[in-house]
Amino acid sequence: MEFKKGFYPALGTPLDKDGNLVEESYAKQIDLMIEAGASGALCMGSMGVENVLSKETYKKTAEVAVKAVAGRVPLFIGVMDPSVYRVKERLDMIGDLDFDGVVVTAPFYGKESDGALLSFFRAVADISPKPVYLYDLPGVTQNKITWPMVQELVKHPNIKGLKDSSHNMTYFQTLGYLTKDEADFVLFVGPE
């Protein structure tokens, strides 16, 4: 997969009053983003309220995104959850779809040690059939992916990048320096 410079929007997930995906609206949103020049898209990231979707709506949202993107740009699907077991449930629901990678945050709801976070990310990368992209979202997860953690995680063959939403350019530039020799590790910057 080749990443082009540009913007990779986090898609909102339009739901009806019963929590079901509004499929036509979602597909149109994706088309409009790609027509506007998006270089890729994130389905069910923090903007896509992945954490509140039923299993049925989660799977349907991924299916509609894959169909709407139709290989025109890289597509990432969020699998965020506080437990490896529940991340695996999400991976199992979408594993047969044609997309480019999964995005995972640190477990949320409680502060974890760096060792626990390293174990979590490695476990997710070990079970994921798709490349894993870390999403550093400390304002939501209460956990920061630190420079020493990144130095360890880039060694995992299935961890392929990181999206930083810390708004700290020094941190982001240091990440770039630390990963400069990792040809297939990609850095993204985005809003929190």
N, C-alpha and C. Protein backbone atom coordinates (compact mmCIF):
# COMPACT_ATOMS: atom_id res chain seq x y z
N MET A 1 0.84 -1.17 0.00
CA MET A 1 0.00 0.00 0.00
C MET A 1 0.89 1.23 0.00
N GLU A 2 0.58 2.15 -0.87
CA GLU A 2 1.33 3.40 -0.94
C GLU A 2 0.51 4.52 -0.31
N PHE A 3 1.16 5.25 0.59
CA PHE A 3 0.49 6.39 1.23
C PHE A 3 0.92 7.67 0.53
N LYS A 4 -0.05 8.46 0.16
CA LYS A 4 0.22 9.75 -0.45
C LYS A 4 0.10 10.82 0.61
N LYS A 5 0.84 11.90 0.43
CA LYS A 5 0.67 13.04 1.32
C LYS A 5 -0.73 13.59 1.12
N GLY A 6 -1.28 14.13 2.16
CA GLY A 6 -2.62 14.68 2.06
C GLY A 6 -3.40 14.45 3.32
N PHE A 7 -4.70 14.54 3.21
CA PHE A 7 -5.53 14.36 4.40
C PHE A 7 -6.24 13.02 4.37
N TYR A 8 -6.36 12.44 5.55
CA TYR A 8 -6.99 11.14 5.77
C TYR A 8 -8.11 11.36 6.78
N PRO A 9 -9.28 11.75 6.32
CA PRO A 9 -10.34 12.13 7.26
C PRO A 9 -10.87 10.97 8.08
N ALA A 10 -11.17 11.32 9.33
CA ALA A 10 -11.90 10.39 10.20
C ALA A 10 -13.38 10.62 9.89
N LEU A 11 -14.04 9.58 9.46
CA LEU A 11 -15.43 9.69 9.02
C LEU A 11 -16.39 9.66 10.20
N GLY A 12 -17.40 10.50 10.16
CA GLY A 12 -18.48 10.42 11.13
C GLY A 12 -19.40 9.27 10.74
N THR A 13 -20.05 8.65 11.69
CA THR A 13 -20.94 7.54 11.41
C THR A 13 -22.39 8.00 11.59
N PRO A 14 -23.11 8.24 10.49
CA PRO A 14 -24.49 8.71 10.61
C PRO A 14 -25.42 7.59 11.05
N LEU A 15 -26.13 7.82 12.15
CA LEU A 15 -27.03 6.82 12.70
C LEU A 15 -28.45 7.35 12.75
N ASP A 16 -29.42 6.45 12.61
CA ASP A 16 -30.82 6.85 12.79
C ASP A 16 -31.15 6.81 14.28
N LYS A 17 -32.38 7.10 14.62
CA LYS A 17 -32.78 7.18 16.04
C LYS A 17 -32.66 5.85 16.77
N ASP A 18 -32.60 4.74 16.03
CA ASP A 18 -32.47 3.42 16.64
C ASP A 18 -31.03 2.92 16.68
N GLY A 19 -30.08 3.77 16.26
CA GLY A 19 -28.68 3.38 16.27
C GLY A 19 -28.22 2.59 15.08
N ASN A 20 -29.02 2.59 14.00
CA ASN A 20 -28.65 1.89 12.78
C ASN A 20 -27.94 2.84 11.82
N LEU A 21 -27.02 2.31 11.06
CA LEU A 21 -26.29 3.11 10.09
C LEU A 21 -27.23 3.63 9.01
N VAL A 22 -27.07 4.92 8.66
CA VAL A 22 -27.78 5.50 7.52
C VAL A 22 -26.84 5.30 6.33
N GLU A 23 -27.02 4.17 5.65
CA GLU A 23 -26.06 3.71 4.65
C GLU A 23 -25.84 4.70 3.51
N GLU A 24 -26.90 5.23 2.96
CA GLU A 24 -26.77 6.15 1.82
C GLU A 24 -25.98 7.40 2.22
N SER A 25 -26.24 7.92 3.39
CA SER A 25 -25.54 9.10 3.88
C SER A 25 -24.05 8.80 4.08
N TYR A 26 -23.76 7.64 4.63
CA TYR A 26 -22.37 7.26 4.88
C TYR A 26 -21.61 7.10 3.56
N ALA A 27 -22.19 6.42 2.61
CA ALA A 27 -21.54 6.24 1.31
C ALA A 27 -21.32 7.59 0.62
N LYS A 28 -22.30 8.48 0.74
CA LYS A 28 -22.16 9.82 0.13
C LYS A 28 -21.03 10.60 0.80
N GLN A 29 -20.94 10.52 2.12
CA GLN A 29 -19.86 11.19 2.85
C GLN A 29 -18.50 10.71 2.33
N ILE A 30 -18.37 9.41 2.15
CA ILE A 30 -17.10 8.85 1.67
C ILE A 30 -16.81 9.35 0.26
N ASP A 31 -17.80 9.31 -0.62
CA ASP A 31 -17.61 9.82 -1.99
C ASP A 31 -17.19 11.28 -1.98
N LEU A 32 -17.84 12.09 -1.17
CA LEU A 32 -17.50 13.52 -1.11
C LEU A 32 -16.08 13.75 -0.61
N MET A 33 -15.65 12.97 0.37
CA MET A 33 -14.27 13.10 0.89
C MET A 33 -13.25 12.74 -0.19
N ILE A 34 -13.52 11.66 -0.90
CA ILE A 34 -12.58 11.25 -1.94
C ILE A 34 -12.59 12.25 -3.09
N GLU A 35 -13.76 12.73 -3.47
CA GLU A 35 -13.85 13.75 -4.52
C GLU A 35 -13.14 15.04 -4.12
N ALA A 36 -13.10 15.33 -2.82
CA ALA A 36 -12.43 16.54 -2.32
C ALA A 36 -10.92 16.36 -2.22
N GLY A 37 -10.43 15.16 -2.52
CA GLY A 37 -8.99 14.93 -2.55
C GLY A 37 -8.43 14.14 -1.39
N ALA A 38 -9.26 13.51 -0.59
CA ALA A 38 -8.75 12.71 0.53
C ALA A 38 -7.79 11.65 0.01
N SER A 39 -6.70 11.47 0.73
CA SER A 39 -5.70 10.47 0.36
C SER A 39 -5.98 9.12 0.99
N GLY A 40 -6.95 9.06 1.90
CA GLY A 40 -7.34 7.84 2.59
C GLY A 40 -8.49 8.17 3.51
N ALA A 41 -8.98 7.19 4.26
CA ALA A 41 -10.10 7.42 5.17
C ALA A 41 -10.02 6.49 6.37
N LEU A 42 -10.50 7.00 7.51
CA LEU A 42 -10.60 6.22 8.73
C LEU A 42 -12.07 6.00 9.06
N CYS A 43 -12.48 4.77 9.00
CA CYS A 43 -13.84 4.35 9.32
C CYS A 43 -13.89 3.94 10.79
N MET A 44 -14.80 4.51 11.54
CA MET A 44 -15.04 4.18 12.94
C MET A 44 -13.83 4.42 13.83
N GLY A 45 -13.25 5.60 13.67
CA GLY A 45 -12.27 6.07 14.64
C GLY A 45 -13.02 6.76 15.76
N SER A 46 -12.36 7.64 16.47
CA SER A 46 -13.04 8.33 17.58
C SER A 46 -14.18 9.21 17.06
N MET A 47 -14.04 9.78 15.88
CA MET A 47 -15.12 10.58 15.27
C MET A 47 -16.28 9.69 14.82
N GLY A 48 -16.02 8.43 14.60
CA GLY A 48 -17.03 7.51 14.09
C GLY A 48 -17.76 6.74 15.16
N VAL A 49 -17.64 7.15 16.38
CA VAL A 49 -18.32 6.57 17.55
C VAL A 49 -18.31 5.04 17.56
N GLU A 50 -17.21 4.46 17.16
CA GLU A 50 -17.06 3.01 17.10
C GLU A 50 -17.44 2.34 18.41
N ASN A 51 -17.13 2.99 19.51
CA ASN A 51 -17.34 2.37 20.82
C ASN A 51 -18.80 2.23 21.23
N VAL A 52 -19.73 2.90 20.55
CA VAL A 52 -21.15 2.81 20.94
C VAL A 52 -21.99 2.01 19.94
N LEU A 53 -21.38 1.53 18.89
CA LEU A 53 -22.14 0.81 17.86
C LEU A 53 -22.42 -0.63 18.27
N SER A 54 -23.62 -1.12 17.94
CA SER A 54 -23.91 -2.54 18.15
C SER A 54 -23.02 -3.35 17.22
N LYS A 55 -22.89 -4.63 17.51
CA LYS A 55 -22.08 -5.51 16.65
C LYS A 55 -22.59 -5.49 15.22
N GLU A 56 -23.90 -5.49 15.05
CA GLU A 56 -24.49 -5.50 13.71
C GLU A 56 -24.17 -4.20 12.97
N THR A 57 -24.30 -3.07 13.67
CA THR A 57 -24.02 -1.77 13.04
C THR A 57 -22.53 -1.62 12.77
N TYR A 58 -21.70 -2.12 13.66
CA TYR A 58 -20.26 -2.09 13.46
C TYR A 58 -19.89 -2.79 12.16
N LYS A 59 -20.37 -4.02 12.01
CA LYS A 59 -20.03 -4.79 10.81
C LYS A 59 -20.60 -4.13 9.56
N LYS A 60 -21.84 -3.67 9.62
CA LYS A 60 -22.47 -3.02 8.47
C LYS A 60 -21.70 -1.76 8.08
N THR A 61 -21.26 -0.98 9.05
CA THR A 61 -20.51 0.25 8.76
C THR A 61 -19.22 -0.08 8.03
N ALA A 62 -18.52 -1.11 8.48
CA ALA A 62 -17.29 -1.52 7.80
C ALA A 62 -17.58 -1.99 6.38
N GLU A 63 -18.64 -2.76 6.20
CA GLU A 63 -19.00 -3.25 4.87
C GLU A 63 -19.33 -2.10 3.92
N VAL A 64 -20.11 -1.15 4.39
CA VAL A 64 -20.50 -0.01 3.55
C VAL A 64 -19.26 0.83 3.20
N ALA A 65 -18.36 1.02 4.16
CA ALA A 65 -17.15 1.79 3.89
C ALA A 65 -16.29 1.11 2.83
N VAL A 66 -16.10 -0.20 2.96
CA VAL A 66 -15.29 -0.93 1.97
C VAL A 66 -15.91 -0.80 0.59
N LYS A 67 -17.21 -0.98 0.50
CA LYS A 67 -17.89 -0.89 -0.79
C LYS A 67 -17.80 0.53 -1.37
N ALA A 68 -17.99 1.54 -0.52
CA ALA A 68 -17.97 2.93 -1.00
C ALA A 68 -16.56 3.37 -1.41
N VAL A 69 -15.57 2.97 -0.65
CA VAL A 69 -14.19 3.34 -0.99
C VAL A 69 -13.75 2.62 -2.26
N ALA A 70 -14.14 1.37 -2.40
CA ALA A 70 -13.88 0.58 -3.61
C ALA A 70 -12.41 0.63 -4.06
N GLY A 71 -11.49 0.61 -3.09
CA GLY A 71 -10.08 0.57 -3.42
C GLY A 71 -9.50 1.87 -3.95
N ARG A 72 -10.27 2.96 -3.96
CA ARG A 72 -9.77 4.22 -4.53
C ARG A 72 -8.70 4.87 -3.67
N VAL A 73 -8.77 4.68 -2.36
CA VAL A 73 -7.79 5.22 -1.41
C VAL A 73 -7.62 4.19 -0.29
N PRO A 74 -6.54 4.29 0.48
CA PRO A 74 -6.40 3.39 1.62
C PRO A 74 -7.54 3.60 2.62
N LEU A 75 -8.03 2.51 3.18
CA LEU A 75 -9.11 2.56 4.17
C LEU A 75 -8.65 1.86 5.44
N PHE A 76 -8.84 2.56 6.55
CA PHE A 76 -8.51 2.04 7.87
C PHE A 76 -9.80 1.90 8.66
N ILE A 77 -9.87 0.87 9.49
CA ILE A 77 -11.07 0.64 10.30
C ILE A 77 -10.67 0.56 11.77
N GLY A 78 -11.37 1.32 12.61
CA GLY A 78 -11.09 1.33 14.03
C GLY A 78 -11.55 0.07 14.73
N VAL A 79 -10.69 -0.44 15.61
CA VAL A 79 -11.02 -1.63 16.42
C VAL A 79 -10.74 -1.34 17.90
N MET A 80 -10.94 -0.10 18.31
CA MET A 80 -10.58 0.32 19.66
C MET A 80 -11.46 -0.34 20.72
N ASP A 81 -10.83 -0.76 21.80
CA ASP A 81 -11.54 -1.30 22.95
C ASP A 81 -10.54 -1.47 24.09
N PRO A 82 -11.00 -1.52 25.34
CA PRO A 82 -10.07 -1.70 26.46
C PRO A 82 -9.52 -3.12 26.61
N SER A 83 -10.07 -4.10 25.91
CA SER A 83 -9.57 -5.47 26.09
C SER A 83 -9.18 -6.09 24.75
N VAL A 84 -8.15 -6.91 24.79
CA VAL A 84 -7.70 -7.61 23.59
C VAL A 84 -8.82 -8.53 23.10
N TYR A 85 -9.54 -9.16 24.02
CA TYR A 85 -10.62 -10.06 23.64
C TYR A 85 -11.66 -9.33 22.78
N ARG A 86 -12.06 -8.13 23.18
CA ARG A 86 -13.08 -7.41 22.42
C ARG A 86 -12.51 -6.85 21.11
N VAL A 87 -11.24 -6.50 21.10
CA VAL A 87 -10.62 -6.11 19.83
C VAL A 87 -10.66 -7.30 18.88
N LYS A 88 -10.38 -8.49 19.40
CA LYS A 88 -10.42 -9.70 18.56
C LYS A 88 -11.82 -9.93 18.01
N GLU A 89 -12.87 -9.68 18.80
CA GLU A 89 -14.24 -9.81 18.29
C GLU A 89 -14.44 -8.90 17.09
N ARG A 90 -13.97 -7.68 17.18
CA ARG A 90 -14.10 -6.74 16.06
C ARG A 90 -13.30 -7.25 14.85
N LEU A 91 -12.08 -7.68 15.09
CA LEU A 91 -11.26 -8.21 13.99
C LEU A 91 -11.95 -9.39 13.31
N ASP A 92 -12.55 -10.25 14.09
CA ASP A 92 -13.26 -11.41 13.53
C ASP A 92 -14.46 -10.99 12.68
N MET A 93 -15.12 -9.90 13.07
CA MET A 93 -16.30 -9.42 12.32
C MET A 93 -15.92 -8.84 10.96
N ILE A 94 -14.72 -8.27 10.85
CA ILE A 94 -14.36 -7.55 9.63
C ILE A 94 -13.18 -8.17 8.88
N GLY A 95 -12.64 -9.25 9.41
CA GLY A 95 -11.41 -9.83 8.86
C GLY A 95 -11.47 -10.26 7.41
N ASP A 96 -12.66 -10.56 6.91
CA ASP A 96 -12.77 -11.02 5.52
C ASP A 96 -13.00 -9.87 4.54
N LEU A 97 -13.07 -8.64 5.05
CA LEU A 97 -13.30 -7.48 4.17
C LEU A 97 -11.97 -6.99 3.58
N ASP A 98 -12.06 -6.29 2.46
CA ASP A 98 -10.88 -5.79 1.76
C ASP A 98 -10.61 -4.33 2.15
N PHE A 99 -9.72 -4.15 3.13
CA PHE A 99 -9.31 -2.82 3.55
C PHE A 99 -7.83 -2.88 3.93
N ASP A 100 -7.26 -1.75 4.31
CA ASP A 100 -5.81 -1.65 4.39
C ASP A 100 -5.18 -1.75 5.77
N GLY A 101 -5.93 -1.54 6.82
CA GLY A 101 -5.34 -1.64 8.15
C GLY A 101 -6.34 -1.31 9.23
N VAL A 102 -5.98 -1.70 10.46
CA VAL A 102 -6.84 -1.39 11.60
C VAL A 102 -6.15 -0.33 12.47
N VAL A 103 -6.98 0.46 13.13
CA VAL A 103 -6.49 1.51 14.00
C VAL A 103 -6.91 1.18 15.42
N VAL A 104 -5.97 1.27 16.36
CA VAL A 104 -6.25 0.92 17.75
C VAL A 104 -5.64 1.96 18.69
N THR A 105 -6.43 2.38 19.66
CA THR A 105 -5.94 3.27 20.71
C THR A 105 -5.46 2.42 21.88
N ALA A 106 -4.87 3.10 22.85
CA ALA A 106 -4.58 2.45 24.13
C ALA A 106 -5.92 2.10 24.77
N PRO A 107 -5.93 1.12 25.65
CA PRO A 107 -7.16 0.84 26.38
C PRO A 107 -7.62 2.12 27.10
N PHE A 108 -8.90 2.34 27.15
CA PHE A 108 -9.40 3.55 27.79
C PHE A 108 -10.13 3.21 29.08
N TYR A 109 -10.45 4.19 29.86
CA TYR A 109 -11.14 4.12 31.16
C TYR A 109 -10.20 4.05 32.34
N GLY A 110 -8.91 3.84 32.14
CA GLY A 110 -8.00 3.81 33.27
C GLY A 110 -6.56 3.97 32.84
N LYS A 111 -5.74 4.50 33.71
CA LYS A 111 -4.32 4.70 33.43
C LYS A 111 -3.60 3.36 33.53
N GLU A 112 -2.81 3.04 32.49
CA GLU A 112 -2.06 1.79 32.43
C GLU A 112 -0.56 2.08 32.46
N SER A 113 0.22 1.13 32.91
CA SER A 113 1.68 1.27 32.87
C SER A 113 2.17 1.12 31.43
N ASP A 114 3.37 1.62 31.16
CA ASP A 114 3.94 1.46 29.82
C ASP A 114 4.06 -0.02 29.46
N GLY A 115 4.43 -0.85 30.42
CA GLY A 115 4.55 -2.29 30.18
C GLY A 115 3.22 -2.91 29.78
N ALA A 116 2.15 -2.50 30.45
CA ALA A 116 0.82 -3.03 30.12
C ALA A 116 0.39 -2.57 28.73
N LEU A 117 0.71 -1.32 28.38
CA LEU A 117 0.36 -0.82 27.05
C LEU A 117 1.15 -1.55 25.97
N LEU A 118 2.44 -1.77 26.20
CA LEU A 118 3.24 -2.52 25.24
C LEU A 118 2.66 -3.92 25.03
N SER A 119 2.28 -4.57 26.11
CA SER A 119 1.69 -5.91 26.01
C SER A 119 0.39 -5.88 25.23
N PHE A 120 -0.44 -4.88 25.49
CA PHE A 120 -1.72 -4.74 24.79
C PHE A 120 -1.51 -4.57 23.29
N PHE A 121 -0.67 -3.62 22.90
CA PHE A 121 -0.45 -3.36 21.48
C PHE A 121 0.19 -4.56 20.77
N ARG A 122 1.13 -5.21 21.42
CA ARG A 122 1.75 -6.40 20.81
C ARG A 122 0.72 -7.52 20.64
N ALA A 123 -0.13 -7.70 21.64
CA ALA A 123 -1.15 -8.75 21.55
C ALA A 123 -2.12 -8.48 20.40
N VAL A 124 -2.53 -7.23 20.24
CA VAL A 124 -3.42 -6.87 19.13
C VAL A 124 -2.70 -7.12 17.80
N ALA A 125 -1.45 -6.69 17.70
CA ALA A 125 -0.70 -6.87 16.45
C ALA A 125 -0.50 -8.36 16.14
N ASP A 126 -0.34 -9.17 17.18
CA ASP A 126 -0.16 -10.61 16.97
C ASP A 126 -1.41 -11.28 16.39
N ILE A 127 -2.59 -10.80 16.76
CA ILE A 127 -3.82 -11.47 16.32
C ILE A 127 -4.47 -10.81 15.09
N SER A 128 -4.00 -9.63 14.72
CA SER A 128 -4.65 -8.91 13.62
C SER A 128 -4.21 -9.46 12.26
N PRO A 129 -5.19 -9.78 11.40
CA PRO A 129 -4.84 -10.21 10.05
C PRO A 129 -4.46 -9.03 9.15
N LYS A 130 -4.66 -7.83 9.64
CA LYS A 130 -4.35 -6.61 8.88
C LYS A 130 -3.25 -5.84 9.61
N PRO A 131 -2.52 -4.98 8.89
CA PRO A 131 -1.53 -4.13 9.56
C PRO A 131 -2.20 -3.26 10.62
N VAL A 132 -1.46 -3.01 11.70
CA VAL A 132 -1.98 -2.25 12.84
C VAL A 132 -1.35 -0.85 12.84
N TYR A 133 -2.21 0.15 13.03
CA TYR A 133 -1.79 1.54 13.15
C TYR A 133 -2.24 2.03 14.52
N LEU A 134 -1.29 2.47 15.32
CA LEU A 134 -1.58 2.95 16.66
C LEU A 134 -2.19 4.34 16.58
N TYR A 135 -3.07 4.64 17.49
CA TYR A 135 -3.72 5.95 17.54
C TYR A 135 -3.48 6.52 18.93
N ASP A 136 -2.58 7.51 19.01
CA ASP A 136 -2.25 8.13 20.28
C ASP A 136 -3.29 9.21 20.57
N LEU A 137 -4.19 8.92 21.47
CA LEU A 137 -5.32 9.79 21.79
C LEU A 137 -5.40 9.95 23.32
N PRO A 138 -4.37 10.56 23.93
CA PRO A 138 -4.29 10.58 25.38
C PRO A 138 -5.41 11.35 26.07
N GLY A 139 -6.00 12.32 25.41
CA GLY A 139 -7.10 13.07 26.02
C GLY A 139 -8.33 12.22 26.27
N VAL A 140 -8.48 11.14 25.52
CA VAL A 140 -9.62 10.24 25.67
C VAL A 140 -9.22 8.99 26.46
N THR A 141 -8.07 8.42 26.14
CA THR A 141 -7.70 7.14 26.73
C THR A 141 -7.03 7.26 28.09
N GLN A 142 -6.54 8.45 28.43
CA GLN A 142 -5.77 8.69 29.65
C GLN A 142 -4.41 8.02 29.61
N ASN A 143 -3.99 7.54 28.45
CA ASN A 143 -2.71 6.86 28.29
C ASN A 143 -1.96 7.47 27.11
N LYS A 144 -0.69 7.76 27.30
CA LYS A 144 0.15 8.34 26.27
C LYS A 144 1.08 7.27 25.70
N ILE A 145 1.16 7.21 24.39
CA ILE A 145 2.14 6.34 23.74
C ILE A 145 3.45 7.12 23.72
N THR A 146 4.39 6.73 24.55
CA THR A 146 5.62 7.48 24.75
C THR A 146 6.67 7.13 23.70
N TRP A 147 7.71 7.96 23.60
CA TRP A 147 8.79 7.70 22.67
C TRP A 147 9.44 6.33 22.91
N PRO A 148 9.77 5.99 24.17
CA PRO A 148 10.36 4.66 24.37
C PRO A 148 9.43 3.52 23.93
N MET A 149 8.13 3.72 24.10
CA MET A 149 7.18 2.69 23.65
C MET A 149 7.22 2.56 22.13
N VAL A 150 7.26 3.69 21.44
CA VAL A 150 7.31 3.66 19.98
C VAL A 150 8.57 2.95 19.52
N GLN A 151 9.70 3.22 20.19
CA GLN A 151 10.95 2.56 19.82
C GLN A 151 10.83 1.04 19.92
N GLU A 152 10.05 0.55 20.86
CA GLU A 152 9.83 -0.89 21.00
C GLU A 152 8.80 -1.40 19.99
N LEU A 153 7.72 -0.65 19.82
CA LEU A 153 6.61 -1.13 18.99
C LEU A 153 6.94 -1.15 17.50
N VAL A 154 7.84 -0.29 17.03
CA VAL A 154 8.20 -0.32 15.61
C VAL A 154 8.91 -1.63 15.25
N LYS A 155 9.38 -2.34 16.24
CA LYS A 155 10.06 -3.62 15.98
C LYS A 155 9.07 -4.74 15.64
N HIS A 156 7.79 -4.54 15.98
CA HIS A 156 6.79 -5.59 15.68
C HIS A 156 6.48 -5.54 14.19
N PRO A 157 6.55 -6.67 13.50
CA PRO A 157 6.36 -6.66 12.05
C PRO A 157 4.96 -6.28 11.58
N ASN A 158 3.96 -6.30 12.46
CA ASN A 158 2.60 -5.97 12.04
C ASN A 158 2.15 -4.60 12.53
N ILE A 159 3.01 -3.86 13.19
CA ILE A 159 2.69 -2.48 13.59
C ILE A 159 3.34 -1.57 12.55
N LYS A 160 2.50 -0.87 11.79
CA LYS A 160 2.97 -0.16 10.60
C LYS A 160 2.88 1.36 10.68
N GLY A 161 2.35 1.91 11.78
CA GLY A 161 2.29 3.36 11.84
C GLY A 161 1.63 3.85 13.11
N LEU A 162 1.56 5.18 13.21
CA LEU A 162 0.98 5.82 14.38
C LEU A 162 0.33 7.13 13.96
N LYS A 163 -0.87 7.36 14.46
CA LYS A 163 -1.55 8.63 14.30
C LYS A 163 -1.42 9.37 15.63
N ASP A 164 -0.83 10.55 15.59
CA ASP A 164 -0.62 11.36 16.79
C ASP A 164 -1.65 12.48 16.85
N SER A 165 -2.38 12.54 17.94
CA SER A 165 -3.36 13.61 18.13
C SER A 165 -3.04 14.42 19.38
N SER A 166 -1.76 14.52 19.71
CA SER A 166 -1.36 15.22 20.93
C SER A 166 -1.23 16.74 20.73
N HIS A 167 -1.14 17.19 19.50
CA HIS A 167 -0.95 18.61 19.17
C HIS A 167 0.40 19.12 19.65
N ASN A 168 1.35 18.22 19.86
CA ASN A 168 2.68 18.58 20.32
C ASN A 168 3.65 18.33 19.18
N MET A 169 4.03 19.39 18.48
CA MET A 169 4.88 19.24 17.30
C MET A 169 6.27 18.71 17.65
N THR A 170 6.79 19.04 18.84
CA THR A 170 8.09 18.50 19.25
C THR A 170 7.99 16.99 19.38
N TYR A 171 6.91 16.51 19.99
CA TYR A 171 6.68 15.08 20.12
C TYR A 171 6.60 14.44 18.73
N PHE A 172 5.83 15.04 17.83
CA PHE A 172 5.65 14.47 16.50
C PHE A 172 6.97 14.46 15.72
N GLN A 173 7.73 15.55 15.81
CA GLN A 173 9.02 15.59 15.12
C GLN A 173 9.98 14.54 15.68
N THR A 174 9.95 14.34 16.99
CA THR A 174 10.80 13.32 17.61
C THR A 174 10.37 11.93 17.14
N LEU A 175 9.06 11.71 17.02
CA LEU A 175 8.59 10.43 16.48
C LEU A 175 9.16 10.20 15.08
N GLY A 176 9.15 11.26 14.27
CA GLY A 176 9.71 11.16 12.92
C GLY A 176 11.18 10.79 12.94
N TYR A 177 11.92 11.38 13.86
CA TYR A 177 13.34 11.08 13.99
C TYR A 177 13.54 9.62 14.44
N LEU A 178 12.76 9.20 15.44
CA LEU A 178 12.91 7.85 15.99
C LEU A 178 12.54 6.76 14.99
N THR A 179 11.66 7.08 14.04
CA THR A 179 11.18 6.06 13.10
C THR A 179 11.73 6.25 11.69
N LYS A 180 12.67 7.16 11.51
CA LYS A 180 13.15 7.50 10.16
C LYS A 180 13.77 6.32 9.42
N ASP A 181 14.32 5.37 10.15
CA ASP A 181 14.93 4.21 9.51
C ASP A 181 13.95 3.07 9.27
N GLU A 182 12.72 3.25 9.69
CA GLU A 182 11.68 2.23 9.50
C GLU A 182 10.89 2.59 8.24
N ALA A 183 11.31 2.06 7.11
CA ALA A 183 10.76 2.45 5.81
C ALA A 183 9.25 2.22 5.70
N ASP A 184 8.74 1.20 6.39
CA ASP A 184 7.32 0.91 6.24
C ASP A 184 6.49 1.35 7.45
N PHE A 185 7.03 2.27 8.27
CA PHE A 185 6.29 2.82 9.41
C PHE A 185 5.85 4.23 9.05
N VAL A 186 4.55 4.49 9.11
CA VAL A 186 3.98 5.75 8.66
C VAL A 186 3.48 6.55 9.85
N LEU A 187 3.71 7.85 9.82
CA LEU A 187 3.20 8.75 10.84
C LEU A 187 2.11 9.63 10.27
N PHE A 188 1.03 9.78 11.04
CA PHE A 188 -0.08 10.67 10.69
C PHE A 188 -0.25 11.65 11.85
N VAL A 189 -0.69 12.84 11.53
CA VAL A 189 -1.01 13.81 12.58
C VAL A 189 -2.47 14.20 12.40
N GLY A 190 -3.17 14.34 13.52
CA GLY A 190 -4.59 14.66 13.42
C GLY A 190 -5.08 15.37 14.66
N PRO A 191 -6.31 15.86 14.60
CA PRO A 191 -6.89 16.54 15.75
C PRO A 191 -7.26 15.54 16.84
N GLU A 192 -7.38 16.06 18.05
CA GLU A 192 -7.77 15.19 19.16
C GLU A 192 -9.27 15.14 19.27
